[in-house]
Amino acid sequence: MAKKKIEQEGPDFPLQKDNYILLIIGFAIIMIGFLLMMGGKSDDPNVFNPEIFSFRRITLAPIVVLFGFVFEIWAIMKKPKTEKQD
């Protein structure tokens, strides 16, 4: 009686290594956006600091964060490359 060798492949995960790397990059982009939002605090609570309304905090940082979230969605939806077998 001949035994058939059953080839067992690894578990078939929905995301591949490339997707996880892209997810980490997207997370870093989001963190950079939040870091850009930081600051502008006044030392004296009775004094208003108009620096909180700077271009960096009001415009640039939210755009960077939004780009990070769009990048995350793309990283999840990206199909893995299929390897051609000869």
Protein backbone atom coordinates (compact mmCIF):
# COMPACT_ATOMS: atom_id res chain seq x y z
CA MET A 1 0.00 0.00 0.00
CA ALA A 2 1.59 3.27 -1.11
CA LYS A 3 1.33 6.20 1.20
CA LYS A 4 0.57 9.48 -0.46
CA LYS A 5 2.60 12.34 0.81
CA ILE A 6 0.28 15.17 1.67
CA GLU A 7 1.92 18.53 1.28
CA GLN A 8 0.67 20.84 3.92
CA GLU A 9 1.18 24.49 3.26
CA GLY A 10 1.33 27.07 6.00
CA PRO A 11 -1.83 28.73 7.20
CA ASP A 12 -3.45 30.97 4.63
CA PHE A 13 -3.59 34.36 6.32
CA PRO A 14 -5.61 37.13 4.68
CA LEU A 15 -2.68 39.55 4.96
CA GLN A 16 0.87 38.84 3.88
CA LYS A 17 4.18 40.16 5.18
CA ASP A 18 4.11 43.09 2.74
CA ASN A 19 0.71 44.16 4.06
CA TYR A 20 1.96 44.20 7.64
CA ILE A 21 5.00 46.26 6.68
CA LEU A 22 2.73 48.77 4.94
CA LEU A 23 0.45 48.85 8.00
CA ILE A 24 3.42 49.73 10.21
CA ILE A 25 4.44 52.49 7.79
CA GLY A 26 0.88 53.86 7.82
CA PHE A 27 0.84 53.80 11.62
CA ALA A 28 4.11 55.76 11.65
CA ILE A 29 2.60 58.35 9.28
CA ILE A 30 -0.39 58.77 11.60
CA MET A 31 1.92 59.18 14.61
CA ILE A 32 3.92 61.83 12.75
CA GLY A 33 0.68 63.70 12.09
CA PHE A 34 -0.26 63.64 15.76
CA LEU A 35 3.24 64.78 16.73
CA LEU A 36 2.85 67.72 14.36
CA MET A 37 -0.33 68.71 16.24
CA MET A 38 1.46 68.94 19.57
CA GLY A 39 2.56 72.18 21.19
CA GLY A 40 1.32 75.73 21.33
CA LYS A 41 0.67 75.61 25.05
CA SER A 42 0.97 78.80 27.07
CA ASP A 43 2.94 78.82 30.31
CA ASP A 44 0.43 81.19 31.90
CA PRO A 45 -3.21 80.00 31.74
CA ASN A 46 -4.40 83.64 31.68
CA VAL A 47 -2.44 84.45 28.51
CA PHE A 48 -3.71 83.35 25.09
CA ASN A 49 -1.09 81.91 22.76
CA PRO A 50 -2.08 82.34 19.08
CA GLU A 51 0.55 79.73 18.12
CA ILE A 52 -2.13 77.02 18.51
CA PHE A 53 -3.60 78.27 15.23
CA SER A 54 -0.42 77.81 13.21
CA PHE A 55 -0.45 76.31 9.71
CA ARG A 56 1.32 73.21 10.99
CA ARG A 57 -1.33 72.40 13.63
CA ILE A 58 -4.47 73.45 11.76
CA THR A 59 -3.73 72.36 8.18
CA LEU A 60 -0.62 70.22 7.76
CA ALA A 61 -1.09 67.79 10.67
CA PRO A 62 -4.71 66.83 9.85
CA ILE A 63 -3.76 66.27 6.21
CA VAL A 64 -0.87 64.01 7.28
CA VAL A 65 -3.15 62.04 9.63
CA LEU A 66 -5.82 61.68 6.94
CA PHE A 67 -3.19 60.49 4.46
CA GLY A 68 -2.03 57.96 7.07
CA PHE A 69 -5.54 56.54 7.43
CA VAL A 70 -5.99 56.34 3.65
CA PHE A 71 -2.60 54.60 3.45
CA GLU A 72 -3.75 52.10 6.11
CA ILE A 73 -6.90 51.28 4.13
CA TRP A 74 -4.81 50.79 0.99
CA ALA A 75 -2.36 48.57 2.90
CA ILE A 76 -5.21 46.34 4.05
CA MET A 77 -6.84 46.13 0.63
CA LYS A 78 -3.61 45.53 -1.32
CA LYS A 79 -3.59 42.08 -2.86
CA PRO A 80 -0.47 40.00 -2.31
CA LYS A 81 1.69 39.13 -5.28
CA THR A 82 1.15 35.63 -6.56
CA GLU A 83 4.21 33.57 -7.28
CA LYS A 84 4.32 31.81 -10.64
CA GLN A 85 5.19 28.14 -10.47
CA ASP A 86 7.03 26.47 -13.33
